[in-house]
N, C-alpha and C. Protein backbone atom coordinates (compact mmCIF):
# COMPACT_ATOMS: atom_id res chain seq x y z
N MET A 1 147.55 -137.38 76.65
CA MET A 1 148.33 -137.11 77.12
C MET A 1 148.55 -135.64 77.64
N THR A 2 148.63 -134.75 76.55
CA THR A 2 148.13 -132.95 76.22
C THR A 2 147.28 -132.34 77.40
N SER A 3 146.11 -133.51 77.39
CA SER A 3 145.00 -133.15 78.05
C SER A 3 144.71 -133.29 79.19
N ARG A 4 145.71 -134.23 80.01
CA ARG A 4 145.81 -134.53 81.29
C ARG A 4 146.79 -133.35 81.85
N ILE A 5 147.72 -133.14 81.04
CA ILE A 5 149.09 -131.67 81.72
C ILE A 5 148.00 -130.33 81.56
N PHE A 6 147.14 -130.27 80.78
CA PHE A 6 145.90 -128.84 80.98
C PHE A 6 145.15 -129.42 82.16
N LYS A 7 144.70 -130.55 82.27
CA LYS A 7 144.00 -130.54 83.78
C LYS A 7 144.80 -130.54 84.97
N LEU A 8 145.79 -130.76 85.21
CA LEU A 8 146.44 -130.67 85.93
C LEU A 8 147.28 -129.65 86.24
N THR A 9 147.62 -129.02 85.58
CA THR A 9 147.84 -127.16 85.79
C THR A 9 146.17 -126.22 85.95
N GLY A 10 145.59 -126.82 85.37
CA GLY A 10 144.05 -126.26 85.93
C GLY A 10 143.90 -126.07 87.42
N ILE A 11 144.31 -127.29 87.65
CA ILE A 11 144.28 -127.55 88.92
C ILE A 11 145.23 -126.97 90.16
N ALA A 12 146.16 -127.29 89.85
CA ALA A 12 147.59 -126.58 90.06
C ALA A 12 146.92 -124.69 90.44
N LEU A 13 147.00 -124.36 89.32
CA LEU A 13 146.25 -122.38 89.41
C LEU A 13 145.43 -122.90 89.63
N ALA A 14 143.73 -123.29 90.29
CA ALA A 14 142.92 -123.00 91.11
C ALA A 14 143.20 -123.51 92.45
N ALA A 15 144.27 -124.28 92.68
CA ALA A 15 144.89 -124.52 94.21
C ALA A 15 145.95 -122.96 94.73
N THR A 16 146.42 -122.49 93.50
CA THR A 16 147.11 -121.59 93.85
C THR A 16 145.83 -120.25 94.23
N ALA A 17 145.43 -120.35 93.33
CA ALA A 17 144.55 -119.13 93.59
C ALA A 17 144.03 -119.21 95.30
N LEU A 18 143.14 -120.31 95.49
CA LEU A 18 142.38 -120.81 96.58
C LEU A 18 143.37 -119.99 97.69
N SER A 19 144.61 -120.52 97.72
CA SER A 19 145.63 -120.22 99.06
C SER A 19 145.55 -118.91 98.88
N ILE A 20 145.98 -118.65 97.91
CA ILE A 20 146.50 -116.84 97.64
C ILE A 20 145.37 -116.16 98.43
N SER A 21 143.84 -116.57 98.03
CA SER A 21 142.73 -115.91 98.52
C SER A 21 142.77 -115.64 100.20
N LEU A 22 143.03 -117.02 100.52
CA LEU A 22 143.02 -117.33 101.91
C LEU A 22 143.93 -117.03 102.60
N THR A 23 145.12 -116.41 102.22
CA THR A 23 145.89 -115.95 102.99
C THR A 23 145.79 -114.63 103.02
N THR A 24 144.71 -113.79 102.10
CA THR A 24 144.81 -112.49 102.27
C THR A 24 143.37 -112.48 103.40
N ALA A 25 144.02 -112.13 104.49
CA ALA A 25 142.90 -112.27 105.40
C ALA A 25 141.94 -111.42 105.21
N ALA A 26 140.47 -111.73 106.14
CA ALA A 26 139.27 -110.60 105.89
C ALA A 26 139.53 -110.07 107.38
N PRO A 27 139.00 -109.05 107.16
CA PRO A 27 139.01 -107.89 108.05
C PRO A 27 139.51 -108.16 109.73
N TYR A 28 139.59 -107.94 110.65
CA TYR A 28 139.74 -108.32 112.07
C TYR A 28 138.17 -107.73 112.66
N ALA A 29 137.54 -108.66 113.09
CA ALA A 29 136.72 -109.07 114.22
C ALA A 29 136.37 -108.83 115.25
N VAL A 30 135.41 -109.09 115.80
CA VAL A 30 135.71 -108.90 117.47
C VAL A 30 135.69 -110.71 117.80
N GLY A 31 136.64 -110.75 118.45
CA GLY A 31 137.11 -112.28 118.95
C GLY A 31 138.55 -112.48 118.57
N SER A 32 138.64 -111.73 117.06
CA SER A 32 140.01 -112.16 116.16
C SER A 32 141.40 -112.07 116.74
N LYS A 33 142.53 -112.48 116.77
CA LYS A 33 143.35 -112.37 117.13
C LYS A 33 144.33 -111.52 116.64
N VAL A 34 144.64 -110.47 116.97
CA VAL A 34 145.99 -109.40 116.01
C VAL A 34 147.56 -110.11 116.00
N GLU A 35 147.54 -109.71 114.77
CA GLU A 35 148.99 -110.80 114.66
C GLU A 35 150.13 -109.38 115.18
N PRO A 36 150.68 -110.16 115.28
CA PRO A 36 151.97 -109.04 115.25
C PRO A 36 152.74 -109.10 114.00
N PHE A 37 153.39 -107.75 113.68
CA PHE A 37 153.63 -107.17 112.48
C PHE A 37 154.39 -106.33 112.56
N THR A 38 155.69 -106.06 111.86
CA THR A 38 157.30 -104.92 112.02
C THR A 38 156.66 -103.96 110.70
N ALA A 39 156.24 -102.97 111.14
CA ALA A 39 156.99 -101.67 109.86
C ALA A 39 157.84 -100.63 110.83
N ASN A 40 157.59 -99.74 109.58
CA ASN A 40 159.08 -98.13 110.13
C ASN A 40 157.44 -97.36 110.76
N ASP A 41 157.97 -96.18 111.66
CA ASP A 41 157.16 -95.35 111.81
C ASP A 41 158.15 -94.17 110.97
N GLN A 42 157.36 -92.87 111.18
CA GLN A 42 157.86 -91.82 109.99
C GLN A 42 158.73 -91.23 110.97
N HIS A 43 159.85 -91.87 111.74
CA HIS A 43 161.29 -91.79 111.58
C HIS A 43 162.40 -92.85 111.33
N GLU A 44 161.60 -93.57 110.48
CA GLU A 44 162.41 -94.62 109.73
C GLU A 44 163.04 -95.78 110.50
N GLN A 45 161.99 -95.91 112.03
CA GLN A 45 162.26 -96.40 112.92
C GLN A 45 161.95 -97.92 113.15
N SER A 46 162.44 -98.63 113.23
CA SER A 46 161.58 -100.03 113.06
C SER A 46 160.45 -100.15 114.49
N PHE A 47 159.55 -101.18 114.51
CA PHE A 47 158.16 -101.11 115.22
C PHE A 47 157.68 -102.36 115.01
N THR A 48 157.59 -102.99 116.04
CA THR A 48 156.97 -104.39 115.88
C THR A 48 155.93 -104.34 117.14
N LEU A 49 154.78 -104.62 116.33
CA LEU A 49 153.70 -105.06 116.98
C LEU A 49 153.34 -105.68 118.17
N LYS A 50 153.25 -105.46 119.48
CA LYS A 50 152.96 -107.00 120.26
C LYS A 50 151.78 -106.95 120.79
N PRO A 51 150.34 -107.41 120.38
CA PRO A 51 149.13 -107.63 120.40
C PRO A 51 148.91 -107.42 122.65
N THR A 52 149.48 -108.32 122.85
CA THR A 52 149.11 -108.20 124.27
C THR A 52 149.77 -107.36 125.29
N GLU A 53 150.20 -106.30 124.36
CA GLU A 53 150.73 -105.54 125.43
C GLU A 53 150.41 -104.02 124.65
N THR A 54 149.24 -104.25 123.98
CA THR A 54 148.83 -102.95 123.19
C THR A 54 147.13 -102.89 123.59
N GLN A 55 146.09 -102.00 124.10
CA GLN A 55 145.16 -102.16 124.21
C GLN A 55 144.05 -101.47 123.30
N PHE A 56 144.65 -100.10 122.19
CA PHE A 56 144.28 -99.60 121.02
C PHE A 56 144.57 -99.37 119.78
N LEU A 57 144.27 -100.10 118.88
CA LEU A 57 144.89 -99.46 117.41
C LEU A 57 144.27 -99.42 116.75
N LEU A 58 144.63 -97.95 116.66
CA LEU A 58 143.91 -96.75 115.49
C LEU A 58 144.83 -96.88 113.93
N THR A 59 143.61 -96.69 113.20
CA THR A 59 144.43 -96.96 111.59
C THR A 59 143.46 -95.74 111.27
N SER A 60 143.68 -94.78 110.44
CA SER A 60 143.57 -94.02 109.55
C SER A 60 143.93 -94.48 107.97
N HIS A 61 142.80 -94.60 107.17
CA HIS A 61 142.90 -94.90 106.02
C HIS A 61 143.17 -94.12 105.12
N ASP A 62 142.71 -93.12 105.17
CA ASP A 62 143.26 -91.77 103.99
C ASP A 62 143.67 -90.63 104.30
N MET A 63 144.35 -90.03 103.87
CA MET A 63 144.95 -88.86 104.41
C MET A 63 144.46 -87.63 104.87
N GLU A 64 143.03 -87.61 104.36
CA GLU A 64 142.28 -86.14 104.84
C GLU A 64 142.05 -86.65 106.47
N THR A 65 141.58 -87.63 106.50
CA THR A 65 141.46 -88.22 107.89
C THR A 65 142.71 -88.49 108.85
N GLY A 66 143.46 -88.30 108.40
CA GLY A 66 144.85 -88.75 109.00
C GLY A 66 145.07 -87.61 109.19
N LYS A 67 144.99 -86.48 108.44
CA LYS A 67 145.50 -84.97 109.08
C LYS A 67 144.47 -84.31 110.17
N LYS A 68 143.36 -85.02 109.88
CA LYS A 68 142.73 -84.52 111.67
C LYS A 68 142.96 -85.29 112.51
N ALA A 69 143.21 -86.50 112.33
CA ALA A 69 143.93 -87.26 113.73
C ALA A 69 144.91 -86.85 114.08
N ASN A 70 146.26 -86.56 112.91
CA ASN A 70 147.68 -86.13 113.68
C ASN A 70 147.22 -85.05 114.39
N ALA A 71 146.10 -84.24 114.03
CA ALA A 71 146.17 -82.59 114.66
C ALA A 71 145.53 -83.12 116.14
N VAL A 72 144.83 -83.88 116.79
CA VAL A 72 144.15 -84.12 117.64
C VAL A 72 145.07 -84.77 118.15
N LEU A 73 145.81 -85.75 118.08
CA LEU A 73 147.14 -86.56 118.47
C LEU A 73 148.34 -85.64 118.80
N THR A 74 148.78 -84.56 118.20
CA THR A 74 149.58 -83.34 118.59
C THR A 74 149.10 -82.49 119.68
N ALA A 75 147.72 -82.09 119.74
CA ALA A 75 147.25 -81.78 120.91
C ALA A 75 147.34 -82.09 122.02
N LEU A 76 147.04 -83.61 121.86
CA LEU A 76 147.08 -84.35 123.29
C LEU A 76 148.82 -84.67 123.88
N GLY A 77 149.49 -84.24 122.94
CA GLY A 77 151.06 -84.28 123.33
C GLY A 77 151.78 -85.96 122.92
N LYS A 78 152.93 -85.68 123.16
CA LYS A 78 153.63 -87.04 122.70
C LYS A 78 153.40 -88.42 123.70
N ASP A 79 153.20 -88.22 124.75
CA ASP A 79 153.22 -89.33 125.61
C ASP A 79 152.01 -89.93 125.96
N TYR A 80 150.91 -89.08 124.87
CA TYR A 80 149.24 -89.91 124.77
C TYR A 80 149.17 -91.04 124.99
N LEU A 81 149.98 -91.36 123.29
CA LEU A 81 149.45 -92.58 122.86
C LEU A 81 150.13 -93.90 123.89
N GLY A 82 150.74 -93.59 124.28
CA GLY A 82 151.76 -94.68 125.01
C GLY A 82 151.14 -94.89 126.69
N GLY A 83 151.11 -93.71 126.93
CA GLY A 83 150.11 -93.91 128.06
C GLY A 83 148.49 -94.55 128.32
N LYS A 84 148.15 -94.69 126.79
CA LYS A 84 147.29 -95.54 126.83
C LYS A 84 147.50 -96.47 126.19
N LYS A 85 148.41 -97.01 125.67
CA LYS A 85 149.16 -98.72 125.48
C LYS A 85 148.35 -98.67 124.04
N THR A 86 148.07 -97.08 123.17
CA THR A 86 147.62 -97.77 121.84
C THR A 86 148.86 -97.06 121.17
N VAL A 87 148.73 -97.81 119.61
CA VAL A 87 149.21 -97.58 118.22
C VAL A 87 148.84 -96.72 117.42
N TYR A 88 149.28 -95.93 116.52
CA TYR A 88 148.52 -95.35 115.66
C TYR A 88 149.23 -95.79 114.18
N ILE A 89 148.30 -95.57 113.41
CA ILE A 89 148.87 -96.64 111.72
C ILE A 89 148.45 -95.67 111.18
N ALA A 90 149.28 -95.15 109.96
CA ALA A 90 148.48 -94.30 108.92
C ALA A 90 148.81 -95.50 107.67
N ASN A 91 148.53 -95.68 107.21
CA ASN A 91 148.09 -96.20 105.50
C ASN A 91 148.52 -95.23 104.60
N ILE A 92 149.69 -95.52 104.33
CA ILE A 92 149.80 -94.75 102.99
C ILE A 92 150.11 -95.49 101.98
N HIS A 93 149.76 -96.65 102.12
CA HIS A 93 150.13 -98.06 100.77
C HIS A 93 149.40 -97.36 99.82
N GLY A 94 150.09 -97.49 98.84
CA GLY A 94 149.13 -96.88 97.27
C GLY A 94 149.40 -95.38 97.17
N MET A 95 149.79 -94.83 97.97
CA MET A 95 150.53 -93.12 98.20
C MET A 95 151.46 -93.11 96.90
N PRO A 96 151.46 -92.23 96.12
CA PRO A 96 151.99 -91.90 94.90
C PRO A 96 153.42 -91.58 95.36
N GLY A 97 154.22 -91.78 94.41
CA GLY A 97 156.00 -91.38 95.02
C GLY A 97 155.98 -89.67 95.43
N ILE A 98 155.22 -88.99 94.21
CA ILE A 98 154.77 -87.41 94.58
C ILE A 98 154.62 -86.74 95.92
N GLY A 99 153.14 -87.86 96.17
CA GLY A 99 152.66 -87.55 97.42
C GLY A 99 153.42 -87.93 98.57
N ARG A 100 154.42 -88.95 98.59
CA ARG A 100 155.38 -89.70 99.77
C ARG A 100 156.36 -88.46 100.10
N MET A 101 156.65 -87.75 98.71
CA MET A 101 158.22 -87.25 98.95
C MET A 101 157.13 -85.35 100.08
N PHE A 102 156.07 -85.16 99.78
CA PHE A 102 155.63 -84.51 100.47
C PHE A 102 155.16 -84.53 102.14
N ALA A 103 154.30 -86.04 101.95
CA ALA A 103 153.99 -86.19 102.67
C ALA A 103 154.27 -86.87 104.51
N LEU A 104 155.60 -87.45 103.81
CA LEU A 104 156.48 -88.22 104.28
C LEU A 104 157.51 -86.81 105.65
N PRO A 105 158.03 -86.09 105.04
CA PRO A 105 158.95 -85.24 105.89
C PRO A 105 158.05 -84.18 106.82
N LYS A 106 156.56 -84.12 106.08
CA LYS A 106 155.59 -83.34 107.16
C LYS A 106 154.82 -84.50 108.51
N MET A 107 154.89 -86.02 107.94
CA MET A 107 154.69 -86.91 109.38
C MET A 107 156.21 -86.54 110.12
N LYS A 108 157.19 -86.59 109.59
CA LYS A 108 158.32 -86.53 110.91
C LYS A 108 158.57 -85.63 111.70
N LYS A 109 157.40 -84.22 111.73
CA LYS A 109 157.59 -83.18 112.34
C LYS A 109 156.79 -82.99 113.53
N TYR A 110 155.81 -84.42 113.46
CA TYR A 110 155.00 -85.05 114.65
C TYR A 110 155.42 -85.70 115.59
N ALA A 111 155.41 -85.25 116.83
CA ALA A 111 156.21 -85.95 117.90
C ALA A 111 155.37 -87.17 118.55
N HIS A 112 154.17 -87.24 118.04
CA HIS A 112 153.64 -88.85 118.32
C HIS A 112 154.22 -89.82 117.41
N GLN A 113 154.39 -90.93 117.62
CA GLN A 113 154.56 -92.29 117.35
C GLN A 113 153.49 -92.60 115.87
N ILE A 114 153.83 -92.57 114.64
CA ILE A 114 153.03 -92.54 113.52
C ILE A 114 153.62 -94.03 112.87
N ILE A 115 152.76 -95.36 112.82
CA ILE A 115 153.45 -96.31 111.94
C ILE A 115 152.59 -95.92 110.86
N LEU A 116 153.93 -95.70 109.38
CA LEU A 116 153.68 -96.19 108.62
C LEU A 116 153.23 -97.57 107.69
N GLY A 117 151.59 -97.78 107.53
CA GLY A 117 151.19 -98.65 107.18
C GLY A 117 151.24 -98.59 105.32
N ASP A 118 152.49 -99.63 105.13
CA ASP A 118 152.50 -99.40 103.58
C ASP A 118 152.54 -101.02 103.02
N ASP A 119 152.04 -101.83 103.83
CA ASP A 119 151.62 -102.87 103.33
C ASP A 119 150.29 -103.34 103.17
N ALA A 120 149.98 -103.68 101.64
CA ALA A 120 148.39 -104.03 101.66
C ALA A 120 147.48 -105.13 102.37
N GLU A 121 148.33 -105.93 102.58
CA GLU A 121 147.65 -106.91 103.30
C GLU A 121 147.76 -106.50 104.85
N LEU A 122 148.78 -106.00 105.30
CA LEU A 122 148.56 -105.28 106.58
C LEU A 122 147.13 -104.29 107.34
N ILE A 123 147.09 -103.24 105.45
CA ILE A 123 145.61 -102.59 105.80
C ILE A 123 145.24 -103.30 106.07
N ALA A 124 144.64 -104.01 104.82
CA ALA A 124 143.13 -104.88 104.39
C ALA A 124 142.81 -105.59 105.76
N LYS A 125 143.56 -105.84 107.00
CA LYS A 125 142.85 -106.40 107.88
C LYS A 125 142.63 -105.37 108.99
N PHE A 126 142.42 -104.33 108.65
CA PHE A 126 141.29 -102.94 109.41
C PHE A 126 140.17 -102.50 108.75
N PRO A 127 138.76 -103.14 109.18
CA PRO A 127 137.62 -102.62 108.87
C PRO A 127 137.74 -100.59 108.67
N GLU A 128 137.12 -100.31 107.68
CA GLU A 128 137.03 -99.14 107.36
C GLU A 128 135.73 -98.75 107.26
N GLU A 129 135.85 -97.40 107.74
CA GLU A 129 134.92 -96.66 107.97
C GLU A 129 134.89 -95.16 107.04
N LYS A 130 134.32 -94.57 105.92
CA LYS A 130 135.08 -93.68 104.98
C LYS A 130 134.95 -92.39 106.27
N GLY A 131 136.39 -91.51 106.12
CA GLY A 131 136.13 -90.57 106.56
C GLY A 131 136.71 -90.90 108.72
N LYS A 132 136.52 -91.84 108.60
CA LYS A 132 136.88 -91.84 109.88
C LYS A 132 138.17 -93.27 110.15
N VAL A 133 138.36 -92.87 111.89
CA VAL A 133 139.74 -93.56 112.02
C VAL A 133 139.15 -94.69 112.47
N THR A 134 139.55 -96.06 112.73
CA THR A 134 139.05 -97.57 113.21
C THR A 134 139.82 -97.66 113.95
N VAL A 135 139.04 -98.34 115.08
CA VAL A 135 139.72 -98.14 116.77
C VAL A 135 139.53 -99.73 116.86
N LEU A 136 140.43 -100.00 117.01
CA LEU A 136 139.83 -101.72 117.66
C LEU A 136 140.80 -101.82 119.28
N LYS A 137 139.67 -102.07 120.18
CA LYS A 137 140.07 -101.82 121.32
C LYS A 137 140.47 -103.93 121.26
N MET A 138 141.44 -103.76 122.22
CA MET A 138 142.11 -105.35 122.66
C MET A 138 142.17 -105.66 123.78
N THR A 139 142.23 -106.68 123.90
CA THR A 139 142.28 -107.71 125.74
C THR A 139 142.85 -108.97 124.75
N SER A 140 144.09 -109.17 125.88
CA SER A 140 144.88 -110.16 125.37
C SER A 140 145.17 -110.72 123.86
N GLY A 141 145.36 -109.65 123.44
CA GLY A 141 145.93 -109.72 121.96
C GLY A 141 144.70 -110.49 121.48
N LYS A 142 143.54 -110.02 121.43
CA LYS A 142 142.25 -110.41 120.89
C LYS A 142 141.75 -109.04 120.82
N VAL A 143 140.89 -108.63 119.56
CA VAL A 143 139.94 -107.97 119.42
C VAL A 143 138.91 -108.00 120.08
N SER A 144 138.62 -106.93 121.00
CA SER A 144 137.00 -107.32 122.02
C SER A 144 136.16 -106.02 121.37
N SER A 145 136.00 -104.85 120.47
CA SER A 145 135.37 -104.19 120.44
C SER A 145 136.30 -103.42 119.17
N ILE A 146 134.78 -102.58 118.21
CA ILE A 146 135.84 -102.38 116.89
C ILE A 146 134.40 -100.91 117.00
N SER A 147 135.25 -99.75 116.73
CA SER A 147 134.79 -98.50 116.71
C SER A 147 135.43 -97.69 115.49
N TYR A 148 134.62 -96.19 115.46
CA TYR A 148 135.31 -95.67 114.73
C TYR A 148 135.22 -94.74 115.20
N TRP A 149 136.25 -93.72 115.43
CA TRP A 149 136.44 -92.41 115.80
C TRP A 149 136.92 -91.17 114.68
N SER A 150 135.98 -90.23 114.56
CA SER A 150 135.57 -88.85 114.01
C SER A 150 136.70 -87.76 114.60
N PRO A 151 137.58 -87.78 114.28
CA PRO A 151 139.09 -86.13 114.78
C PRO A 151 138.31 -84.72 114.76
N GLU A 152 137.39 -84.92 114.22
CA GLU A 152 137.11 -83.56 114.00
C GLU A 152 135.83 -82.91 115.07
N THR A 153 134.94 -84.27 115.08
CA THR A 153 133.94 -83.75 115.98
C THR A 153 133.63 -85.11 117.75
N GLU A 154 134.78 -85.81 117.91
CA GLU A 154 134.67 -86.39 119.02
C GLU A 154 136.05 -86.37 120.13
N ALA A 155 135.56 -86.02 121.05
CA ALA A 155 137.12 -86.55 121.59
C ALA A 155 137.68 -87.69 121.91
N LEU A 156 138.83 -87.87 121.53
CA LEU A 156 139.41 -89.22 121.89
C LEU A 156 139.40 -89.74 123.20
N ASP A 157 139.82 -89.51 124.11
CA ASP A 157 138.90 -89.66 124.98
C ASP A 157 137.94 -90.42 125.56
N THR A 158 136.94 -90.20 124.83
CA THR A 158 135.54 -90.40 124.88
C THR A 158 135.57 -92.49 124.27
N ILE A 159 136.26 -92.34 123.13
CA ILE A 159 136.72 -93.60 122.35
C ILE A 159 137.54 -94.75 123.50
N LEU A 160 138.35 -94.13 123.56
CA LEU A 160 139.36 -94.78 124.42
C LEU A 160 139.36 -95.28 125.96
N LYS A 161 138.29 -95.78 125.95
CA LYS A 161 137.90 -96.29 127.54
C LYS A 161 137.31 -97.98 127.54
């Protein structure tokens, strides 16, 4: 009886582990359907992504790349992203509390909208190339291409076409 309980418990644990690994989605790829999500922006306003109304998703994965991207976006002006149907996500997941204490007030100074990626599962959906901003081009809510933008060396207009 006891060994049967252990076997059943083992099977249940294995099934749970498998279901957890399946729910942790692989990064988006060409052809992937982009899922809507809700997160706050740097002004603590709720934002809900509407994939069919979005043409580009930009994601910075580290603070240094994010700073470079924000410098370019600031120079392009407050309405640039909206005019291109583009959403910019900054990965803040894993940022320690002391870092947030300094980074978040600085982000509030930017006129362009920054969606705060504070969910590990959300951030894991975006492929990453070190030191670059991930750019997902979307058509009808699906990824049509994936590229990577180097904010310090490439004009954003060359990427968002």
